[in-house]
All heavy atoms as atom14 arrays in JSON, in Angstrom:
{
  "sequence": "SSDAGKVSMDQLAGFREALNDLASDSLVKANAEVVRAQFVRLGF",
  "atom14_mask": [
    [1, 1, 1, 1, 1, 1, 0, 0, 0, 0, 0, 0, 0, 0],
    [1, 1, 1, 1, 1, 1, 0, 0, 0, 0, 0, 0, 0, 0],
    [1, 1, 1, 1, 1, 1, 1, 1, 0, 0, 0, 0, 0, 0],
    [1, 1, 1, 1, 1, 0, 0, 0, 0, 0, 0, 0, 0, 0],
    [1, 1, 1, 1, 0, 0, 0, 0, 0, 0, 0, 0, 0, 0],
    [1, 1, 1, 1, 1, 1, 1, 1, 1, 0, 0, 0, 0, 0],
    [1, 1, 1, 1, 1, 1, 1, 0, 0, 0, 0, 0, 0, 0],
    [1, 1, 1, 1, 1, 1, 0, 0, 0, 0, 0, 0, 0, 0],
    [1, 1, 1, 1, 1, 1, 1, 1, 0, 0, 0, 0, 0, 0],
    [1, 1, 1, 1, 1, 1, 1, 1, 0, 0, 0, 0, 0, 0],
    [1, 1, 1, 1, 1, 1, 1, 1, 1, 0, 0, 0, 0, 0],
    [1, 1, 1, 1, 1, 1, 1, 1, 0, 0, 0, 0, 0, 0],
    [1, 1, 1, 1, 1, 0, 0, 0, 0, 0, 0, 0, 0, 0],
    [1, 1, 1, 1, 0, 0, 0, 0, 0, 0, 0, 0, 0, 0],
    [1, 1, 1, 1, 1, 1, 1, 1, 1, 1, 1, 0, 0, 0],
    [1, 1, 1, 1, 1, 1, 1, 1, 1, 1, 1, 0, 0, 0],
    [1, 1, 1, 1, 1, 1, 1, 1, 1, 0, 0, 0, 0, 0],
    [1, 1, 1, 1, 1, 0, 0, 0, 0, 0, 0, 0, 0, 0],
    [1, 1, 1, 1, 1, 1, 1, 1, 0, 0, 0, 0, 0, 0],
    [1, 1, 1, 1, 1, 1, 1, 1, 0, 0, 0, 0, 0, 0],
    [1, 1, 1, 1, 1, 1, 1, 1, 0, 0, 0, 0, 0, 0],
    [1, 1, 1, 1, 1, 1, 1, 1, 0, 0, 0, 0, 0, 0],
    [1, 1, 1, 1, 1, 0, 0, 0, 0, 0, 0, 0, 0, 0],
    [1, 1, 1, 1, 1, 1, 0, 0, 0, 0, 0, 0, 0, 0],
    [1, 1, 1, 1, 1, 1, 1, 1, 0, 0, 0, 0, 0, 0],
    [1, 1, 1, 1, 1, 1, 0, 0, 0, 0, 0, 0, 0, 0],
    [1, 1, 1, 1, 1, 1, 1, 1, 0, 0, 0, 0, 0, 0],
    [1, 1, 1, 1, 1, 1, 1, 0, 0, 0, 0, 0, 0, 0],
    [1, 1, 1, 1, 1, 1, 1, 1, 1, 0, 0, 0, 0, 0],
    [1, 1, 1, 1, 1, 0, 0, 0, 0, 0, 0, 0, 0, 0],
    [1, 1, 1, 1, 1, 1, 1, 1, 0, 0, 0, 0, 0, 0],
    [1, 1, 1, 1, 1, 0, 0, 0, 0, 0, 0, 0, 0, 0],
    [1, 1, 1, 1, 1, 1, 1, 1, 1, 0, 0, 0, 0, 0],
    [1, 1, 1, 1, 1, 1, 1, 0, 0, 0, 0, 0, 0, 0],
    [1, 1, 1, 1, 1, 1, 1, 0, 0, 0, 0, 0, 0, 0],
    [1, 1, 1, 1, 1, 1, 1, 1, 1, 1, 1, 0, 0, 0],
    [1, 1, 1, 1, 1, 0, 0, 0, 0, 0, 0, 0, 0, 0],
    [1, 1, 1, 1, 1, 1, 1, 1, 1, 0, 0, 0, 0, 0],
    [1, 1, 1, 1, 1, 1, 1, 1, 1, 1, 1, 0, 0, 0],
    [1, 1, 1, 1, 1, 1, 1, 0, 0, 0, 0, 0, 0, 0],
    [1, 1, 1, 1, 1, 1, 1, 1, 1, 1, 1, 0, 0, 0],
    [1, 1, 1, 1, 1, 1, 1, 1, 0, 0, 0, 0, 0, 0],
    [1, 1, 1, 1, 0, 0, 0, 0, 0, 0, 0, 0, 0, 0],
    [1, 1, 1, 1, 1, 1, 1, 1, 1, 1, 1, 0, 0, 0]
  ],
  "atom14_positions": [
    [[9.09, 22.98, 6.12], [8.29, 23.95, 5.31], [9.07, 25.13, 4.74], [8.9, 25.34, 3.65], [7.03, 24.3, 6.02], [6.23, 23.41, 6.4], [0.0, 0.0, 0.0], [0.0, 0.0, 0.0], [0.0, 0.0, 0.0], [0.0, 0.0, 0.0], [0.0, 0.0, 0.0], [0.0, 0.0, 0.0], [0.0, 0.0, 0.0], [0.0, 0.0, 0.0]],
    [[9.91, 25.56, 5.64], [10.75, 26.77, 5.29], [11.75, 26.32, 4.14], [11.82, 27.02, 3.26], [11.47, 27.22, 6.5], [12.27, 28.39, 6.07], [0.0, 0.0, 0.0], [0.0, 0.0, 0.0], [0.0, 0.0, 0.0], [0.0, 0.0, 0.0], [0.0, 0.0, 0.0], [0.0, 0.0, 0.0], [0.0, 0.0, 0.0], [0.0, 0.0, 0.0]],
    [[12.3, 25.14, 4.33], [13.23, 24.68, 3.27], [12.52, 24.43, 1.97], [12.97, 24.75, 0.89], [13.95, 23.29, 3.71], [14.98, 23.53, 4.64], [15.37, 24.71, 4.88], [15.54, 22.46, 5.2], [0.0, 0.0, 0.0], [0.0, 0.0, 0.0], [0.0, 0.0, 0.0], [0.0, 0.0, 0.0], [0.0, 0.0, 0.0], [0.0, 0.0, 0.0]],
    [[11.29, 24.0, 2.04], [10.45, 23.73, 0.86], [9.94, 25.08, 0.32], [9.56, 25.02, -0.9], [9.25, 22.78, 1.12], [0.0, 0.0, 0.0], [0.0, 0.0, 0.0], [0.0, 0.0, 0.0], [0.0, 0.0, 0.0], [0.0, 0.0, 0.0], [0.0, 0.0, 0.0], [0.0, 0.0, 0.0], [0.0, 0.0, 0.0], [0.0, 0.0, 0.0]],
    [[9.86, 26.05, 1.07], [9.31, 27.37, 0.64], [7.81, 27.35, 0.38], [7.21, 28.22, -0.25], [0.0, 0.0, 0.0], [0.0, 0.0, 0.0], [0.0, 0.0, 0.0], [0.0, 0.0, 0.0], [0.0, 0.0, 0.0], [0.0, 0.0, 0.0], [0.0, 0.0, 0.0], [0.0, 0.0, 0.0], [0.0, 0.0, 0.0], [0.0, 0.0, 0.0]],
    [[7.13, 26.31, 1.08], [5.65, 26.34, 0.9], [5.0, 25.62, 2.0], [5.79, 24.78, 2.73], [5.19, 25.75, -0.41], [5.68, 24.24, -0.49], [5.31, 23.61, -1.86], [5.77, 22.24, -1.91], [5.38, 21.65, -3.17], [0.0, 0.0, 0.0], [0.0, 0.0, 0.0], [0.0, 0.0, 0.0], [0.0, 0.0, 0.0], [0.0, 0.0, 0.0]],
    [[3.83, 25.9, 2.24], [3.06, 25.18, 3.32], [1.58, 25.1, 2.91], [1.01, 26.1, 2.33], [3.25, 25.8, 4.71], [2.74, 27.27, 4.65], [2.69, 25.03, 5.83], [0.0, 0.0, 0.0], [0.0, 0.0, 0.0], [0.0, 0.0, 0.0], [0.0, 0.0, 0.0], [0.0, 0.0, 0.0], [0.0, 0.0, 0.0], [0.0, 0.0, 0.0]],
    [[0.9, 24.06, 3.18], [-0.4, 23.85, 2.75], [-1.29, 24.36, 3.95], [-0.82, 24.55, 5.06], [-0.74, 22.39, 2.53], [-0.68, 21.61, 3.65], [0.0, 0.0, 0.0], [0.0, 0.0, 0.0], [0.0, 0.0, 0.0], [0.0, 0.0, 0.0], [0.0, 0.0, 0.0], [0.0, 0.0, 0.0], [0.0, 0.0, 0.0], [0.0, 0.0, 0.0]],
    [[-2.58, 24.63, 3.6], [-3.6, 24.95, 4.69], [-3.67, 23.88, 5.7], [-3.81, 24.23, 6.81], [-4.93, 25.28, 3.93], [-4.93, 26.49, 3.1], [-4.29, 27.92, 3.86], [-5.55, 28.39, 4.89], [0.0, 0.0, 0.0], [0.0, 0.0, 0.0], [0.0, 0.0, 0.0], [0.0, 0.0, 0.0], [0.0, 0.0, 0.0], [0.0, 0.0, 0.0]],
    [[-3.62, 22.66, 5.34], [-3.62, 21.57, 6.3], [-2.42, 21.54, 7.17], [-2.66, 21.34, 8.42], [-3.77, 20.16, 5.62], [-5.21, 19.94, 4.98], [-6.13, 20.6, 5.35], [-5.25, 19.08, 4.18], [0.0, 0.0, 0.0], [0.0, 0.0, 0.0], [0.0, 0.0, 0.0], [0.0, 0.0, 0.0], [0.0, 0.0, 0.0], [0.0, 0.0, 0.0]],
    [[-1.29, 21.93, 6.64], [-0.14, 21.89, 7.5], [-0.24, 23.2, 8.46], [0.23, 23.11, 9.66], [1.12, 22.07, 6.52], [1.43, 20.72, 5.92], [2.43, 20.77, 4.8], [2.73, 21.92, 4.25], [3.19, 19.76, 4.49], [0.0, 0.0, 0.0], [0.0, 0.0, 0.0], [0.0, 0.0, 0.0], [0.0, 0.0, 0.0], [0.0, 0.0, 0.0]],
    [[-0.7, 24.27, 7.94], [-0.89, 25.43, 8.85], [-1.88, 25.02, 10.01], [-1.58, 25.55, 11.12], [-1.39, 26.57, 8.07], [-0.43, 27.31, 7.23], [-1.13, 28.39, 6.41], [0.69, 27.87, 7.95], [0.0, 0.0, 0.0], [0.0, 0.0, 0.0], [0.0, 0.0, 0.0], [0.0, 0.0, 0.0], [0.0, 0.0, 0.0], [0.0, 0.0, 0.0]],
    [[-2.97, 24.31, 9.59], [-3.81, 23.86, 10.73], [-3.13, 22.96, 11.76], [-3.33, 23.13, 12.94], [-5.02, 23.07, 10.2], [0.0, 0.0, 0.0], [0.0, 0.0, 0.0], [0.0, 0.0, 0.0], [0.0, 0.0, 0.0], [0.0, 0.0, 0.0], [0.0, 0.0, 0.0], [0.0, 0.0, 0.0], [0.0, 0.0, 0.0], [0.0, 0.0, 0.0]],
    [[-2.21, 22.09, 11.25], [-1.37, 21.29, 12.11], [-0.56, 22.19, 12.99], [-0.32, 21.84, 14.27], [0.0, 0.0, 0.0], [0.0, 0.0, 0.0], [0.0, 0.0, 0.0], [0.0, 0.0, 0.0], [0.0, 0.0, 0.0], [0.0, 0.0, 0.0], [0.0, 0.0, 0.0], [0.0, 0.0, 0.0], [0.0, 0.0, 0.0], [0.0, 0.0, 0.0]],
    [[0.16, 23.21, 12.46], [0.9, 24.18, 13.31], [0.08, 24.84, 14.47], [0.58, 24.82, 15.49], [1.62, 25.26, 12.52], [2.54, 24.78, 11.42], [2.91, 25.65, 10.44], [3.14, 23.54, 11.42], [3.85, 25.29, 9.43], [4.05, 23.14, 10.41], [4.4, 24.09, 9.42], [0.0, 0.0, 0.0], [0.0, 0.0, 0.0], [0.0, 0.0, 0.0]],
    [[-1.13, 25.19, 14.01], [-1.98, 25.82, 14.98], [-2.4, 24.86, 16.12], [-2.37, 25.26, 17.32], [-3.19, 26.4, 14.27], [-4.09, 27.19, 15.2], [-5.27, 27.84, 14.36], [-5.84, 27.15, 13.08], [-5.5, 27.48, 11.89], [-4.77, 28.46, 11.62], [-5.93, 26.74, 10.89], [0.0, 0.0, 0.0], [0.0, 0.0, 0.0], [0.0, 0.0, 0.0]],
    [[-2.62, 23.7, 15.8], [-3.03, 22.69, 16.83], [-1.75, 22.37, 17.78], [-1.97, 22.31, 18.91], [-3.46, 21.43, 16.14], [-4.9, 21.52, 15.56], [-5.33, 20.27, 14.81], [-5.01, 19.16, 15.3], [-6.07, 20.31, 13.95], [0.0, 0.0, 0.0], [0.0, 0.0, 0.0], [0.0, 0.0, 0.0], [0.0, 0.0, 0.0], [0.0, 0.0, 0.0]],
    [[-0.58, 22.34, 17.19], [0.57, 22.12, 18.04], [0.71, 23.2, 19.01], [1.03, 23.07, 20.2], [1.78, 21.83, 17.26], [0.0, 0.0, 0.0], [0.0, 0.0, 0.0], [0.0, 0.0, 0.0], [0.0, 0.0, 0.0], [0.0, 0.0, 0.0], [0.0, 0.0, 0.0], [0.0, 0.0, 0.0], [0.0, 0.0, 0.0], [0.0, 0.0, 0.0]],
    [[0.57, 24.49, 18.52], [0.69, 25.62, 19.3], [-0.26, 25.78, 20.42], [-0.1, 26.2, 21.48], [0.74, 26.87, 18.46], [1.98, 27.14, 17.61], [1.69, 28.27, 16.64], [3.14, 27.47, 18.44], [0.0, 0.0, 0.0], [0.0, 0.0, 0.0], [0.0, 0.0, 0.0], [0.0, 0.0, 0.0], [0.0, 0.0, 0.0], [0.0, 0.0, 0.0]],
    [[-1.52, 25.34, 20.08], [-2.65, 25.31, 21.09], [-2.2, 24.22, 22.22], [-2.49, 24.44, 23.34], [-3.93, 24.83, 20.48], [-4.59, 25.93, 19.68], [-4.2, 27.16, 19.91], [-5.47, 25.66, 18.7], [0.0, 0.0, 0.0], [0.0, 0.0, 0.0], [0.0, 0.0, 0.0], [0.0, 0.0, 0.0], [0.0, 0.0, 0.0], [0.0, 0.0, 0.0]],
    [[-1.71, 23.15, 21.74], [-1.18, 22.21, 22.81], [-0.15, 22.72, 23.68], [-0.09, 22.45, 24.93], [-0.71, 20.78, 22.13], [-1.86, 19.82, 21.7], [-3.05, 20.17, 22.12], [-1.6, 18.86, 21.15], [0.0, 0.0, 0.0], [0.0, 0.0, 0.0], [0.0, 0.0, 0.0], [0.0, 0.0, 0.0], [0.0, 0.0, 0.0], [0.0, 0.0, 0.0]],
    [[0.78, 23.45, 23.04], [1.88, 23.98, 23.87], [1.43, 25.04, 24.81], [2.06, 25.14, 25.87], [2.92, 24.55, 22.92], [3.76, 23.68, 22.11], [4.55, 24.37, 21.04], [4.71, 22.9, 23.01], [0.0, 0.0, 0.0], [0.0, 0.0, 0.0], [0.0, 0.0, 0.0], [0.0, 0.0, 0.0], [0.0, 0.0, 0.0], [0.0, 0.0, 0.0]],
    [[0.31, 25.61, 24.56], [-0.27, 26.62, 25.56], [-0.95, 26.01, 26.81], [-1.19, 26.6, 27.79], [-1.35, 27.43, 24.74], [0.0, 0.0, 0.0], [0.0, 0.0, 0.0], [0.0, 0.0, 0.0], [0.0, 0.0, 0.0], [0.0, 0.0, 0.0], [0.0, 0.0, 0.0], [0.0, 0.0, 0.0], [0.0, 0.0, 0.0], [0.0, 0.0, 0.0]],
    [[-1.12, 24.72, 26.74], [-1.72, 23.94, 27.79], [-0.84, 23.74, 29.0], [0.45, 23.59, 28.82], [-2.18, 22.53, 27.28], [-2.73, 21.81, 28.4], [0.0, 0.0, 0.0], [0.0, 0.0, 0.0], [0.0, 0.0, 0.0], [0.0, 0.0, 0.0], [0.0, 0.0, 0.0], [0.0, 0.0, 0.0], [0.0, 0.0, 0.0], [0.0, 0.0, 0.0]],
    [[-1.23, 23.91, 30.17], [-0.45, 23.75, 31.36], [-0.06, 22.28, 31.6], [0.93, 22.05, 32.08], [-1.21, 24.32, 32.59], [-1.31, 25.74, 32.63], [-0.54, 26.4, 31.97], [-2.23, 26.29, 33.24], [0.0, 0.0, 0.0], [0.0, 0.0, 0.0], [0.0, 0.0, 0.0], [0.0, 0.0, 0.0], [0.0, 0.0, 0.0], [0.0, 0.0, 0.0]],
    [[-0.85, 21.4, 31.2], [-0.69, 19.89, 31.49], [-0.84, 19.16, 30.22], [-1.85, 19.21, 29.63], [-1.73, 19.51, 32.41], [-1.88, 18.14, 32.53], [0.0, 0.0, 0.0], [0.0, 0.0, 0.0], [0.0, 0.0, 0.0], [0.0, 0.0, 0.0], [0.0, 0.0, 0.0], [0.0, 0.0, 0.0], [0.0, 0.0, 0.0], [0.0, 0.0, 0.0]],
    [[0.2, 18.44, 29.79], [0.1, 17.5, 28.65], [0.57, 16.16, 29.12], [1.22, 15.85, 30.21], [1.11, 18.0, 27.62], [0.88, 19.33, 26.98], [2.02, 19.77, 26.07], [-0.47, 19.37, 26.18], [0.0, 0.0, 0.0], [0.0, 0.0, 0.0], [0.0, 0.0, 0.0], [0.0, 0.0, 0.0], [0.0, 0.0, 0.0], [0.0, 0.0, 0.0]],
    [[0.16, 15.15, 28.33], [0.53, 13.75, 28.56], [1.17, 13.24, 27.28], [1.18, 13.82, 26.27], [-0.7, 12.92, 29.0], [-1.25, 13.43, 30.31], [-1.78, 12.92, 28.0], [0.0, 0.0, 0.0], [0.0, 0.0, 0.0], [0.0, 0.0, 0.0], [0.0, 0.0, 0.0], [0.0, 0.0, 0.0], [0.0, 0.0, 0.0], [0.0, 0.0, 0.0]],
    [[1.72, 12.09, 27.4], [2.29, 11.37, 26.38], [1.44, 11.28, 25.08], [1.97, 11.51, 24.0], [2.83, 9.91, 26.74], [3.49, 9.21, 25.69], [3.9, 7.89, 26.14], [4.56, 7.02, 25.16], [4.93, 5.75, 25.63], [0.0, 0.0, 0.0], [0.0, 0.0, 0.0], [0.0, 0.0, 0.0], [0.0, 0.0, 0.0], [0.0, 0.0, 0.0]],
    [[0.24, 11.07, 25.27], [-0.71, 10.96, 24.08], [-0.86, 12.29, 23.37], [-0.83, 12.11, 22.14], [-2.22, 10.54, 24.61], [0.0, 0.0, 0.0], [0.0, 0.0, 0.0], [0.0, 0.0, 0.0], [0.0, 0.0, 0.0], [0.0, 0.0, 0.0], [0.0, 0.0, 0.0], [0.0, 0.0, 0.0], [0.0, 0.0, 0.0], [0.0, 0.0, 0.0]],
    [[-0.76, 13.4, 24.07], [-0.67, 14.64, 23.21], [0.44, 14.71, 22.27], [0.32, 15.01, 21.06], [-0.7, 15.81, 24.27], [-1.83, 15.93, 25.13], [-1.71, 15.72, 26.25], [-2.98, 16.44, 24.55], [0.0, 0.0, 0.0], [0.0, 0.0, 0.0], [0.0, 0.0, 0.0], [0.0, 0.0, 0.0], [0.0, 0.0, 0.0], [0.0, 0.0, 0.0]],
    [[1.66, 14.33, 22.76], [2.82, 14.38, 21.91], [2.67, 13.38, 20.79], [3.14, 13.64, 19.7], [4.02, 14.14, 22.76], [0.0, 0.0, 0.0], [0.0, 0.0, 0.0], [0.0, 0.0, 0.0], [0.0, 0.0, 0.0], [0.0, 0.0, 0.0], [0.0, 0.0, 0.0], [0.0, 0.0, 0.0], [0.0, 0.0, 0.0], [0.0, 0.0, 0.0]],
    [[2.29, 12.24, 21.07], [2.08, 11.26, 20.1], [1.09, 11.68, 18.98], [1.42, 11.36, 17.81], [1.61, 9.85, 20.65], [2.76, 9.23, 21.47], [2.25, 8.01, 22.21], [1.06, 7.78, 22.34], [3.09, 7.18, 22.71], [0.0, 0.0, 0.0], [0.0, 0.0, 0.0], [0.0, 0.0, 0.0], [0.0, 0.0, 0.0], [0.0, 0.0, 0.0]],
    [[0.07, 12.18, 19.34], [-0.9, 12.82, 18.41], [-0.28, 13.79, 17.44], [-0.42, 13.79, 16.2], [-2.21, 13.32, 19.01], [-3.03, 14.07, 18.1], [-2.97, 12.17, 19.68], [0.0, 0.0, 0.0], [0.0, 0.0, 0.0], [0.0, 0.0, 0.0], [0.0, 0.0, 0.0], [0.0, 0.0, 0.0], [0.0, 0.0, 0.0], [0.0, 0.0, 0.0]],
    [[0.34, 14.73, 18.03], [1.1, 15.75, 17.29], [2.04, 15.24, 16.32], [2.12, 15.64, 15.05], [1.72, 16.89, 18.2], [2.6, 17.8, 17.37], [0.56, 17.63, 18.92], [0.0, 0.0, 0.0], [0.0, 0.0, 0.0], [0.0, 0.0, 0.0], [0.0, 0.0, 0.0], [0.0, 0.0, 0.0], [0.0, 0.0, 0.0], [0.0, 0.0, 0.0]],
    [[2.99, 14.34, 16.81], [3.99, 13.68, 15.9], [3.31, 13.04, 14.7], [3.65, 13.12, 13.57], [4.94, 12.86, 16.78], [5.91, 13.52, 17.48], [6.97, 12.7, 17.96], [6.47, 11.58, 18.77], [6.27, 11.51, 20.09], [6.7, 12.53, 20.79], [5.85, 10.42, 20.68], [0.0, 0.0, 0.0], [0.0, 0.0, 0.0], [0.0, 0.0, 0.0]],
    [[2.27, 12.14, 15.11], [1.54, 11.42, 14.15], [0.91, 12.31, 13.03], [0.86, 12.07, 11.83], [0.55, 10.46, 14.73], [0.0, 0.0, 0.0], [0.0, 0.0, 0.0], [0.0, 0.0, 0.0], [0.0, 0.0, 0.0], [0.0, 0.0, 0.0], [0.0, 0.0, 0.0], [0.0, 0.0, 0.0], [0.0, 0.0, 0.0], [0.0, 0.0, 0.0]],
    [[0.3, 13.49, 13.63], [-0.29, 14.3, 12.62], [0.66, 14.86, 11.61], [0.38, 15.08, 10.4], [-1.08, 15.46, 13.39], [-1.73, 16.39, 12.46], [-2.63, 17.41, 13.19], [-2.86, 17.33, 14.44], [-3.1, 18.44, 12.54], [0.0, 0.0, 0.0], [0.0, 0.0, 0.0], [0.0, 0.0, 0.0], [0.0, 0.0, 0.0], [0.0, 0.0, 0.0]],
    [[1.88, 15.38, 12.11], [2.83, 16.04, 11.26], [3.37, 15.02, 10.19], [3.53, 15.22, 9.04], [3.95, 16.5, 12.03], [3.68, 17.9, 12.73], [4.15, 18.22, 13.94], [2.84, 18.81, 11.99], [3.82, 19.44, 14.54], [2.66, 20.05, 12.59], [3.17, 20.34, 13.92], [0.0, 0.0, 0.0], [0.0, 0.0, 0.0], [0.0, 0.0, 0.0]],
    [[3.5, 13.69, 10.61], [3.9, 12.7, 9.61], [2.75, 12.53, 8.58], [2.98, 12.48, 7.36], [4.16, 11.33, 10.29], [4.36, 10.27, 9.28], [5.5, 11.53, 11.08], [0.0, 0.0, 0.0], [0.0, 0.0, 0.0], [0.0, 0.0, 0.0], [0.0, 0.0, 0.0], [0.0, 0.0, 0.0], [0.0, 0.0, 0.0], [0.0, 0.0, 0.0]],
    [[1.49, 12.44, 9.02], [0.37, 12.31, 8.08], [0.31, 13.47, 7.13], [-0.06, 13.46, 5.96], [-0.99, 12.32, 8.9], [-2.18, 12.01, 8.08], [-3.37, 12.08, 8.9], [-3.75, 13.26, 9.63], [-4.1, 14.45, 9.24], [-4.34, 14.65, 7.96], [-4.26, 15.58, 10.0], [0.0, 0.0, 0.0], [0.0, 0.0, 0.0], [0.0, 0.0, 0.0]],
    [[0.78, 14.68, 7.66], [0.72, 15.92, 6.76], [2.02, 16.03, 5.86], [2.1, 16.93, 5.15], [0.67, 17.13, 7.68], [-0.65, 17.38, 8.37], [-0.51, 18.55, 9.43], [-1.79, 17.65, 7.44], [0.0, 0.0, 0.0], [0.0, 0.0, 0.0], [0.0, 0.0, 0.0], [0.0, 0.0, 0.0], [0.0, 0.0, 0.0], [0.0, 0.0, 0.0]],
    [[2.79, 15.01, 5.84], [3.87, 14.92, 4.89], [5.28, 15.34, 5.45], [6.28, 15.43, 4.61], [0.0, 0.0, 0.0], [0.0, 0.0, 0.0], [0.0, 0.0, 0.0], [0.0, 0.0, 0.0], [0.0, 0.0, 0.0], [0.0, 0.0, 0.0], [0.0, 0.0, 0.0], [0.0, 0.0, 0.0], [0.0, 0.0, 0.0], [0.0, 0.0, 0.0]],
    [[5.39, 15.55, 6.67], [6.67, 15.88, 7.23], [7.43, 14.68, 7.69], [6.86, 13.66, 8.15], [6.53, 16.85, 8.51], [5.79, 18.13, 8.14], [4.59, 18.45, 8.51], [6.48, 19.16, 7.42], [3.93, 19.67, 8.25], [5.97, 20.35, 7.1], [4.67, 20.62, 7.48], [0.0, 0.0, 0.0], [0.0, 0.0, 0.0], [0.0, 0.0, 0.0]]
  ]
}
């Protein structure tokens, strides 16, 4: 996003969801897969 110099509202929401996951004490593989898939869906 920084290289592109822009970010969409959907992409910002994806950032927020990833940060919320990172705040969790306990994560599983499925959490990481969902975040990666979401970022790809958002165009990254």
